[in-house]
């Protein structure tokens, strides 16, 4: 909750999709360190974005077979429109 409050104070949207059961093999202190460091780095990067509406951090934890993937994406919602050259 501390990281959510920190994001709220800095007007950063923090979206998380994590199944805690996937991390049941880890010590709580290791989980806190892993996510705390990732979120701290993301907050530092996103805090540099001037437009508050573009401040967003997306965190996902997924598992495929025996491989875990932790994704922490800082997004500024920049336009992703496809531009086609004129003929």
PDB file of N, CA and C in Angstrom:
ATOM      1  N   UNK A   1       0.816  -1.198   0.000  1.00  0.00           N
ATOM      2  CA  UNK A   1       0.000   0.000   0.000  1.00  0.00           C
ATOM      3  C   UNK A   1       0.858   1.260   0.000  1.00  0.00           C
ATOM      4  N   UNK A   2       2.042   1.170   0.567  1.00  0.00           N
ATOM      5  CA  UNK A   2       2.936   2.331   0.614  1.00  0.00           C
ATOM      6  C   UNK A   2       3.253   2.854  -0.789  1.00  0.00           C
ATOM      7  N   UNK A   3       3.506   1.962  -1.730  1.00  0.00           N
ATOM      8  CA  UNK A   3       3.841   2.366  -3.096  1.00  0.00           C
ATOM      9  C   UNK A   3       2.631   2.979  -3.791  1.00  0.00           C
ATOM     10  N   UNK A   4       1.431   2.444  -3.536  1.00  0.00           N
ATOM     11  CA  UNK A   4       0.228   3.026  -4.109  1.00  0.00           C
ATOM     12  C   UNK A   4       0.021   4.451  -3.607  1.00  0.00           C
ATOM     13  N   UNK A   5       0.268   4.658  -2.324  1.00  0.00           N
ATOM     14  CA  UNK A   5       0.126   5.998  -1.747  1.00  0.00           C
ATOM     15  C   UNK A   5       1.170   6.947  -2.321  1.00  0.00           C
ATOM     16  N   UNK A   6       2.382   6.455  -2.505  1.00  0.00           N
ATOM     17  CA  UNK A   6       3.443   7.267  -3.092  1.00  0.00           C
ATOM     18  C   UNK A   6       3.058   7.685  -4.515  1.00  0.00           C
ATOM     19  N   UNK A   7       2.506   6.756  -5.278  1.00  0.00           N
ATOM     20  CA  UNK A   7       2.063   7.071  -6.642  1.00  0.00           C
ATOM     21  C   UNK A   7       0.909   8.070  -6.603  1.00  0.00           C
ATOM     22  N   UNK A   8      -0.017   7.860  -5.720  1.00  0.00           N
ATOM     23  CA  UNK A   8      -1.158   8.770  -5.610  1.00  0.00           C
ATOM     24  C   UNK A   8      -0.688  10.190  -5.304  1.00  0.00           C
ATOM     25  N   UNK A   9       0.262  10.328  -4.408  1.00  0.00           N
ATOM     26  CA  UNK A   9       0.789  11.651  -4.050  1.00  0.00           C
ATOM     27  C   UNK A   9       1.482  12.326  -5.225  1.00  0.00           C
ATOM     28  N   UNK A  10       2.078  11.526  -6.117  1.00  0.00           N
ATOM     29  CA  UNK A  10       2.788  12.072  -7.282  1.00  0.00           C
ATOM     30  C   UNK A  10       1.900  12.085  -8.527  1.00  0.00           C
ATOM     31  N   UNK A  11       0.618  11.753  -8.336  1.00  0.00           N
ATOM     32  CA  UNK A  11      -0.349  11.722  -9.441  1.00  0.00           C
ATOM     33  C   UNK A  11       0.083  10.768 -10.556  1.00  0.00           C
ATOM     34  N   UNK A  12       0.465   9.559 -10.134  1.00  0.00           N
ATOM     35  CA  UNK A  12       0.856   8.487 -11.050  1.00  0.00           C
ATOM     36  C   UNK A  12      -0.148   7.350 -10.884  1.00  0.00           C
ATOM     37  N   UNK A  13      -0.681   6.859 -12.008  1.00  0.00           N
ATOM     38  CA  UNK A  13      -1.587   5.713 -11.936  1.00  0.00           C
ATOM     39  C   UNK A  13      -0.750   4.440 -11.910  1.00  0.00           C
ATOM     40  N   UNK A  14      -1.012   3.590 -10.932  1.00  0.00           N
ATOM     41  CA  UNK A  14      -0.290   2.326 -10.786  1.00  0.00           C
ATOM     42  C   UNK A  14      -1.284   1.188 -10.955  1.00  0.00           C
ATOM     43  N   UNK A  15      -1.120   0.418 -12.028  1.00  0.00           N
ATOM     44  CA  UNK A  15      -1.985  -0.726 -12.309  1.00  0.00           C
ATOM     45  C   UNK A  15      -1.186  -2.004 -12.104  1.00  0.00           C
ATOM     46  N   UNK A  16      -1.711  -2.895 -11.272  1.00  0.00           N
ATOM     47  CA  UNK A  16      -1.015  -4.158 -10.991  1.00  0.00           C
ATOM     48  C   UNK A  16      -1.941  -5.338 -11.256  1.00  0.00           C
ATOM     49  N   UNK A  17      -1.387  -6.363 -11.884  1.00  0.00           N
ATOM     50  CA  UNK A  17      -2.109  -7.616 -12.067  1.00  0.00           C
ATOM     51  C   UNK A  17      -1.149  -8.728 -11.670  1.00  0.00           C
ATOM     52  N   UNK A  18      -1.268  -9.140 -10.416  1.00  0.00           N
ATOM     53  CA  UNK A  18      -0.316 -10.099  -9.858  1.00  0.00           C
ATOM     54  C   UNK A  18      -1.078 -11.160  -9.073  1.00  0.00           C
ATOM     55  N   UNK A  19      -0.794 -12.410  -9.350  1.00  0.00           N
ATOM     56  CA  UNK A  19      -1.351 -13.513  -8.580  1.00  0.00           C
ATOM     57  C   UNK A  19      -0.328 -13.871  -7.505  1.00  0.00           C
ATOM     58  N   UNK A  20      -0.610 -13.479  -6.285  1.00  0.00           N
ATOM     59  CA  UNK A  20       0.317 -13.699  -5.176  1.00  0.00           C
ATOM     60  C   UNK A  20       0.688 -15.158  -4.959  1.00  0.00           C
ATOM     61  N   UNK A  21      -0.203 -16.068  -5.338  1.00  0.00           N
ATOM     62  CA  UNK A  21       0.079 -17.494  -5.187  1.00  0.00           C
ATOM     63  C   UNK A  21       1.289 -17.916  -6.010  1.00  0.00           C
ATOM     64  N   UNK A  22       1.543 -17.211  -7.113  1.00  0.00           N
ATOM     65  CA  UNK A  22       2.691 -17.550  -7.954  1.00  0.00           C
ATOM     66  C   UNK A  22       4.010 -17.329  -7.215  1.00  0.00           C
ATOM     67  N   UNK A  23       3.978 -16.466  -6.220  1.00  0.00           N
ATOM     68  CA  UNK A  23       5.202 -16.130  -5.487  1.00  0.00           C
ATOM     69  C   UNK A  23       5.279 -16.791  -4.117  1.00  0.00           C
ATOM     70  N   UNK A  24       4.429 -17.758  -3.872  1.00  0.00           N
ATOM     71  CA  UNK A  24       4.377 -18.385  -2.544  1.00  0.00           C
ATOM     72  C   UNK A  24       5.673 -19.105  -2.171  1.00  0.00           C
ATOM     73  N   UNK A  25       6.496 -19.417  -3.155  1.00  0.00           N
ATOM     74  CA  UNK A  25       7.770 -20.094  -2.887  1.00  0.00           C
ATOM     75  C   UNK A  25       8.846 -19.121  -2.387  1.00  0.00           C
ATOM     76  N   UNK A  26       8.594 -17.810  -2.507  1.00  0.00           N
ATOM     77  CA  UNK A  26       9.582 -16.801  -2.123  1.00  0.00           C
ATOM     78  C   UNK A  26       9.311 -16.284  -0.710  1.00  0.00           C
ATOM     79  N   UNK A  27      10.375 -15.862  -0.047  1.00  0.00           N
ATOM     80  CA  UNK A  27      10.212 -15.217   1.250  1.00  0.00           C
ATOM     81  C   UNK A  27       9.556 -13.858   1.041  1.00  0.00           C
ATOM     82  N   UNK A  28       8.721 -13.451   1.986  1.00  0.00           N
ATOM     83  CA  UNK A  28       8.020 -12.169   1.873  1.00  0.00           C
ATOM     84  C   UNK A  28       8.993 -11.006   1.707  1.00  0.00           C
ATOM     85  N   UNK A  29      10.117 -11.071   2.398  1.00  0.00           N
ATOM     86  CA  UNK A  29      11.088  -9.980   2.297  1.00  0.00           C
ATOM     87  C   UNK A  29      11.679  -9.895   0.885  1.00  0.00           C
ATOM     88  N   UNK A  30      11.853 -11.038   0.225  1.00  0.00           N
ATOM     89  CA  UNK A  30      12.367 -11.047  -1.151  1.00  0.00           C
ATOM     90  C   UNK A  30      11.335 -10.481  -2.130  1.00  0.00           C
ATOM     91  N   UNK A  31      10.076 -10.829  -1.917  1.00  0.00           N
ATOM     92  CA  UNK A  31       9.001 -10.314  -2.765  1.00  0.00           C
ATOM     93  C   UNK A  31       8.917  -8.796  -2.617  1.00  0.00           C
ATOM     94  N   UNK A  32       8.974  -8.321  -1.383  1.00  0.00           N
ATOM     95  CA  UNK A  32       8.909  -6.882  -1.130  1.00  0.00           C
ATOM     96  C   UNK A  32      10.086  -6.168  -1.788  1.00  0.00           C
ATOM     97  N   UNK A  33      11.272  -6.737  -1.687  1.00  0.00           N
ATOM     98  CA  UNK A  33      12.461  -6.129  -2.303  1.00  0.00           C
ATOM     99  C   UNK A  33      12.341  -6.093  -3.823  1.00  0.00           C
ATOM    100  N   UNK A  34      11.892  -7.193  -4.411  1.00  0.00           N
ATOM    101  CA  UNK A  34      11.755  -7.290  -5.857  1.00  0.00           C
ATOM    102  C   UNK A  34      10.783  -6.233  -6.389  1.00  0.00           C
ATOM    103  N   UNK A  35       9.587  -6.211  -5.846  1.00  0.00           N
ATOM    104  CA  UNK A  35       8.578  -5.273  -6.329  1.00  0.00           C
ATOM    105  C   UNK A  35       8.874  -3.844  -5.876  1.00  0.00           C
ATOM    106  N   UNK A  36       9.383  -3.686  -4.677  1.00  0.00           N
ATOM    107  CA  UNK A  36       9.715  -2.347  -4.186  1.00  0.00           C
ATOM    108  C   UNK A  36      10.741  -1.664  -5.066  1.00  0.00           C
ATOM    109  N   UNK A  37      11.768  -2.379  -5.459  1.00  0.00           N
ATOM    110  CA  UNK A  37      12.810  -1.821  -6.316  1.00  0.00           C
ATOM    111  C   UNK A  37      12.263  -1.504  -7.709  1.00  0.00           C
ATOM    112  N   UNK A  38      11.502  -2.425  -8.277  1.00  0.00           N
ATOM    113  CA  UNK A  38      10.930  -2.208  -9.610  1.00  0.00           C
ATOM    114  C   UNK A  38      10.002  -0.992  -9.615  1.00  0.00           C
ATOM    115  N   UNK A  39       9.168  -0.882  -8.599  1.00  0.00           N
ATOM    116  CA  UNK A  39       8.222   0.237  -8.535  1.00  0.00           C
ATOM    117  C   UNK A  39       8.942   1.544  -8.260  1.00  0.00           C
ATOM    118  N   UNK A  40       9.945   1.529  -7.382  1.00  0.00           N
ATOM    119  CA  UNK A  40      10.723   2.749  -7.115  1.00  0.00           C
ATOM    120  C   UNK A  40      11.369   3.280  -8.398  1.00  0.00           C
ATOM    121  N   UNK A  41      11.955   2.384  -9.184  1.00  0.00           N
ATOM    122  CA  UNK A  41      12.587   2.795 -10.447  1.00  0.00           C
ATOM    123  C   UNK A  41      11.548   3.341 -11.424  1.00  0.00           C
ATOM    124  N   UNK A  42      10.391   2.703 -11.474  1.00  0.00           N
ATOM    125  CA  UNK A  42       9.334   3.164 -12.371  1.00  0.00           C
ATOM    126  C   UNK A  42       8.798   4.531 -11.941  1.00  0.00           C
ATOM    127  N   UNK A  43       8.609   4.725 -10.649  1.00  0.00           N
ATOM    128  CA  UNK A  43       8.130   6.012 -10.140  1.00  0.00           C
ATOM    129  C   UNK A  43       9.121   7.111 -10.508  1.00  0.00           C
ATOM    130  N   UNK A  44      10.397   6.836 -10.337  1.00  0.00           N
ATOM    131  CA  UNK A  44      11.425   7.826 -10.663  1.00  0.00           C
ATOM    132  C   UNK A  44      11.355   8.214 -12.143  1.00  0.00           C
ATOM    133  N   UNK A  45      11.144   7.234 -13.020  1.00  0.00           N
ATOM    134  CA  UNK A  45      11.079   7.511 -14.455  1.00  0.00           C
ATOM    135  C   UNK A  45       9.807   8.269 -14.822  1.00  0.00           C
ATOM    136  N   UNK A  46       8.671   7.831 -14.313  1.00  0.00           N
ATOM    137  CA  UNK A  46       7.387   8.428 -14.671  1.00  0.00           C
ATOM    138  C   UNK A  46       7.226   9.818 -14.057  1.00  0.00           C
ATOM    139  N   UNK A  47       7.859  10.050 -12.942  1.00  0.00           N
ATOM    140  CA  UNK A  47       7.752  11.345 -12.268  1.00  0.00           C
ATOM    141  C   UNK A  47       8.327  12.475 -13.131  1.00  0.00           C
ATOM    142  N   UNK A  48       9.138  12.127 -14.119  1.00  0.00           N
ATOM    143  CA  UNK A  48       9.746  13.127 -15.007  1.00  0.00           C
ATOM    144  C   UNK A  48       8.791  13.577 -16.113  1.00  0.00           C
ATOM    145  N   UNK A  49       7.664  12.887 -16.258  1.00  0.00           N
ATOM    146  CA  UNK A  49       6.672  13.238 -17.279  1.00  0.00           C
ATOM    147  C   UNK A  49       5.843  14.401 -16.740  1.00  0.00           C
ATOM    148  N   UNK A  50       5.836  15.506 -17.466  1.00  0.00           N
ATOM    149  CA  UNK A  50       5.133  16.708 -17.001  1.00  0.00           C
ATOM    150  C   UNK A  50       3.621  16.569 -17.034  1.00  0.00           C
ATOM    151  N   UNK A  51       3.096  15.929 -18.061  1.00  0.00           N
ATOM    152  CA  UNK A  51       1.651  15.784 -18.217  1.00  0.00           C
ATOM    153  C   UNK A  51       1.149  14.691 -17.272  1.00  0.00           C
ATOM    154  N   UNK A  52       0.434  15.093 -16.217  1.00  0.00           N
ATOM    155  CA  UNK A  52      -0.010  14.144 -15.195  1.00  0.00           C
ATOM    156  C   UNK A  52      -0.928  13.065 -15.756  1.00  0.00           C
ATOM    157  N   UNK A  53      -1.668  13.367 -16.822  1.00  0.00           N
ATOM    158  CA  UNK A  53      -2.576  12.378 -17.405  1.00  0.00           C
ATOM    159  C   UNK A  53      -1.823  11.269 -18.127  1.00  0.00           C
ATOM    160  N   UNK A  54      -0.555  11.477 -18.390  1.00  0.00           N
ATOM    161  CA  UNK A  54       0.250  10.478 -19.100  1.00  0.00           C
ATOM    162  C   UNK A  54       1.132   9.665 -18.160  1.00  0.00           C
ATOM    163  N   UNK A  55       0.985   9.857 -16.873  1.00  0.00           N
ATOM    164  CA  UNK A  55       1.809   9.130 -15.896  1.00  0.00           C
ATOM    165  C   UNK A  55       1.139   7.813 -15.516  1.00  0.00           C
ATOM    166  N   UNK A  56       1.751   6.712 -15.941  1.00  0.00           N
ATOM    167  CA  UNK A  56       1.160   5.407 -15.667  1.00  0.00           C
ATOM    168  C   UNK A  56       2.254   4.345 -15.553  1.00  0.00           C
ATOM    169  N   UNK A  57       2.063   3.447 -14.605  1.00  0.00           N
ATOM    170  CA  UNK A  57       2.950   2.296 -14.424  1.00  0.00           C
ATOM    171  C   UNK A  57       2.078   1.046 -14.456  1.00  0.00           C
ATOM    172  N   UNK A  58       2.434   0.101 -15.321  1.00  0.00           N
ATOM    173  CA  UNK A  58       1.714  -1.170 -15.416  1.00  0.00           C
ATOM    174  C   UNK A  58       2.632  -2.296 -14.979  1.00  0.00           C
ATOM    175  N   UNK A  59       2.184  -3.067 -14.012  1.00  0.00           N
ATOM    176  CA  UNK A  59       2.977  -4.191 -13.506  1.00  0.00           C
ATOM    177  C   UNK A  59       2.166  -5.476 -13.682  1.00  0.00           C
ATOM    178  N   UNK A  60       2.799  -6.480 -14.283  1.00  0.00           N
ATOM    179  CA  UNK A  60       2.148  -7.772 -14.504  1.00  0.00           C
ATOM    180  C   UNK A  60       3.107  -8.885 -14.106  1.00  0.00           C
ATOM    181  N   UNK A  61       2.558  -9.931 -13.530  1.00  0.00           N
ATOM    182  CA  UNK A  61       3.330 -11.136 -13.237  1.00  0.00           C
ATOM    183  C   UNK A  61       2.585 -12.300 -13.865  1.00  0.00           C
ATOM    184  N   UNK A  62       3.252 -12.995 -14.746  1.00  0.00           N
ATOM    185  CA  UNK A  62       2.647 -14.149 -15.406  1.00  0.00           C
ATOM    186  C   UNK A  62       3.576 -15.346 -15.304  1.00  0.00           C
ATOM    187  N   UNK A  63       3.007 -16.497 -15.544  1.00  0.00           N
ATOM    188  CA  UNK A  63       3.790 -17.736 -15.518  1.00  0.00           C
ATOM    189  C   UNK A  63       3.419 -18.561 -16.734  1.00  0.00           C
ATOM    190  N   UNK A  64       4.445 -19.053 -17.420  1.00  0.00           N
ATOM    191  CA  UNK A  64       4.254 -19.954 -18.542  1.00  0.00           C
ATOM    192  C   UNK A  64       5.164 -21.151 -18.310  1.00  0.00           C
ATOM    193  N   UNK A  65       4.559 -22.296 -18.121  1.00  0.00           N
ATOM    194  CA  UNK A  65       5.283 -23.514 -17.749  1.00  0.00           C
ATOM    195  C   UNK A  65       6.000 -23.230 -16.424  1.00  0.00           C
ATOM    196  N   UNK A  66       7.297 -23.284 -16.367  1.00  0.00           N
ATOM    197  CA  UNK A  66       8.020 -23.012 -15.125  1.00  0.00           C
ATOM    198  C   UNK A  66       8.766 -21.685 -15.178  1.00  0.00           C
ATOM    199  N   UNK A  67       8.359 -20.800 -16.066  1.00  0.00           N
ATOM    200  CA  UNK A  67       9.043 -19.520 -16.222  1.00  0.00           C
ATOM    201  C   UNK A  67       8.135 -18.393 -15.752  1.00  0.00           C
ATOM    202  N   UNK A  68       8.669 -17.534 -14.906  1.00  0.00           N
ATOM    203  CA  UNK A  68       7.935 -16.373 -14.416  1.00  0.00           C
ATOM    204  C   UNK A  68       8.390 -15.147 -15.195  1.00  0.00           C
ATOM    205  N   UNK A  69       7.433 -14.289 -15.532  1.00  0.00           N
ATOM    206  CA  UNK A  69       7.747 -13.050 -16.226  1.00  0.00           C
ATOM    207  C   UNK A  69       7.163 -11.888 -15.436  1.00  0.00           C
ATOM    208  N   UNK A  70       8.046 -11.023 -14.970  1.00  0.00           N
ATOM    209  CA  UNK A  70       7.635  -9.803 -14.282  1.00  0.00           C
ATOM    210  C   UNK A  70       7.795  -8.661 -15.273  1.00  0.00           C
ATOM    211  N   UNK A  71       6.700  -7.993 -15.580  1.00  0.00           N
ATOM    212  CA  UNK A  71       6.712  -6.889 -16.525  1.00  0.00           C
ATOM    213  C   UNK A  71       6.348  -5.613 -15.782  1.00  0.00           C
ATOM    214  N   UNK A  72       7.221  -4.622 -15.890  1.00  0.00           N
ATOM    215  CA  UNK A  72       6.976  -3.311 -15.284  1.00  0.00           C
ATOM    216  C   UNK A  72       7.185  -2.279 -16.376  1.00  0.00           C
ATOM    217  N   UNK A  73       6.090  -1.720 -16.862  1.00  0.00           N
ATOM    218  CA  UNK A  73       6.130  -0.808 -18.000  1.00  0.00           C
ATOM    219  C   UNK A  73       5.698   0.579 -17.568  1.00  0.00           C
ATOM    220  N   UNK A  74       6.538   1.551 -17.881  1.00  0.00           N
ATOM    221  CA  UNK A  74       6.217   2.952 -17.638  1.00  0.00           C
ATOM    222  C   UNK A  74       5.699   3.509 -18.948  1.00  0.00           C
ATOM    223  N   UNK A  75       4.502   4.018 -18.918  1.00  0.00           N
ATOM    224  CA  UNK A  75       3.887   4.480 -20.156  1.00  0.00           C
ATOM    225  C   UNK A  75       3.546   5.950 -20.056  1.00  0.00           C
ATOM    226  N   UNK A  76       3.760   6.645 -21.161  1.00  0.00           N
ATOM    227  CA  UNK A  76       3.351   8.042 -21.218  1.00  0.00           C
ATOM    228  C   UNK A  76       2.190   8.206 -22.186  1.00  0.00           C
ATOM    229  N   UNK A  77       1.572   7.096 -22.583  1.00  0.00           N
ATOM    230  CA  UNK A  77       0.418   7.088 -23.480  1.00  0.00           C
ATOM    231  C   UNK A  77       0.669   7.895 -24.744  1.00  0.00           C
ATOM    232  N   UNK A  78       1.866   7.794 -25.284  1.00  0.00           N
ATOM    233  CA  UNK A  78       2.167   8.489 -26.522  1.00  0.00           C
ATOM    234  C   UNK A  78       1.354   7.861 -27.646  1.00  0.00           C
ATOM    235  N   UNK A  79       1.064   8.650 -28.627  1.00  0.00           N
ATOM    236  CA  UNK A  79       0.255   8.199 -29.748  1.00  0.00           C
ATOM    237  C   UNK A  79       0.925   7.014 -30.438  1.00  0.00           C
ATOM    238  N   UNK A  80       0.127   6.009 -30.728  1.00  0.00           N
ATOM    239  CA  UNK A  80       0.639   4.833 -31.428  1.00  0.00           C
ATOM    240  C   UNK A  80      -0.071   4.678 -32.765  1.00  0.00           C
ATOM    241  N   UNK A  81      -0.546   5.774 -33.310  1.00  0.00           N
ATOM    242  CA  UNK A  81      -1.242   5.731 -34.585  1.00  0.00           C
ATOM    243  C   UNK A  81      -0.279   5.301 -35.684  1.00  0.00           C
ATOM    244  N   UNK A  82      -0.800   4.521 -36.608  1.00  0.00           N
ATOM    245  CA  UNK A  82      -0.003   4.105 -37.753  1.00  0.00           C
ATOM    246  C   UNK A  82      -0.069   5.206 -38.805  1.00  0.00           C
ATOM    247  N   UNK A  83       1.068   5.571 -39.306  1.00  0.00           N
ATOM    248  CA  UNK A  83       1.131   6.605 -40.333  1.00  0.00           C
ATOM    249  C   UNK A  83       1.550   5.953 -41.639  1.00  0.00           C
ATOM    250  N   UNK A  84       0.725   6.146 -42.654  1.00  0.00           N
ATOM    251  CA  UNK A  84       1.022   5.589 -43.965  1.00  0.00           C
ATOM    252  C   UNK A  84       1.480   6.705 -44.881  1.00  0.00           C
ATOM    253  N   UNK A  85       2.591   6.505 -45.579  1.00  0.00           N
ATOM    254  CA  UNK A  85       3.068   7.547 -46.500  1.00  0.00           C
ATOM    255  C   UNK A  85       2.093   7.717 -47.663  1.00  0.00           C
ATOM    256  N   UNK A  86       1.959   8.956 -48.116  1.00  0.00           N
ATOM    257  CA  UNK A  86       1.082   9.202 -49.259  1.00  0.00           C
ATOM    258  C   UNK A  86       1.752   8.699 -50.529  1.00  0.00           C
ATOM    259  N   UNK A  87       0.946   8.245 -51.493  1.00  0.00           N
ATOM    260  CA  UNK A  87       1.521   7.724 -52.732  1.00  0.00           C
ATOM    261  C   UNK A  87       1.740   8.813 -53.737  1.00  0.00           C
TER     262      UNK A  87
END
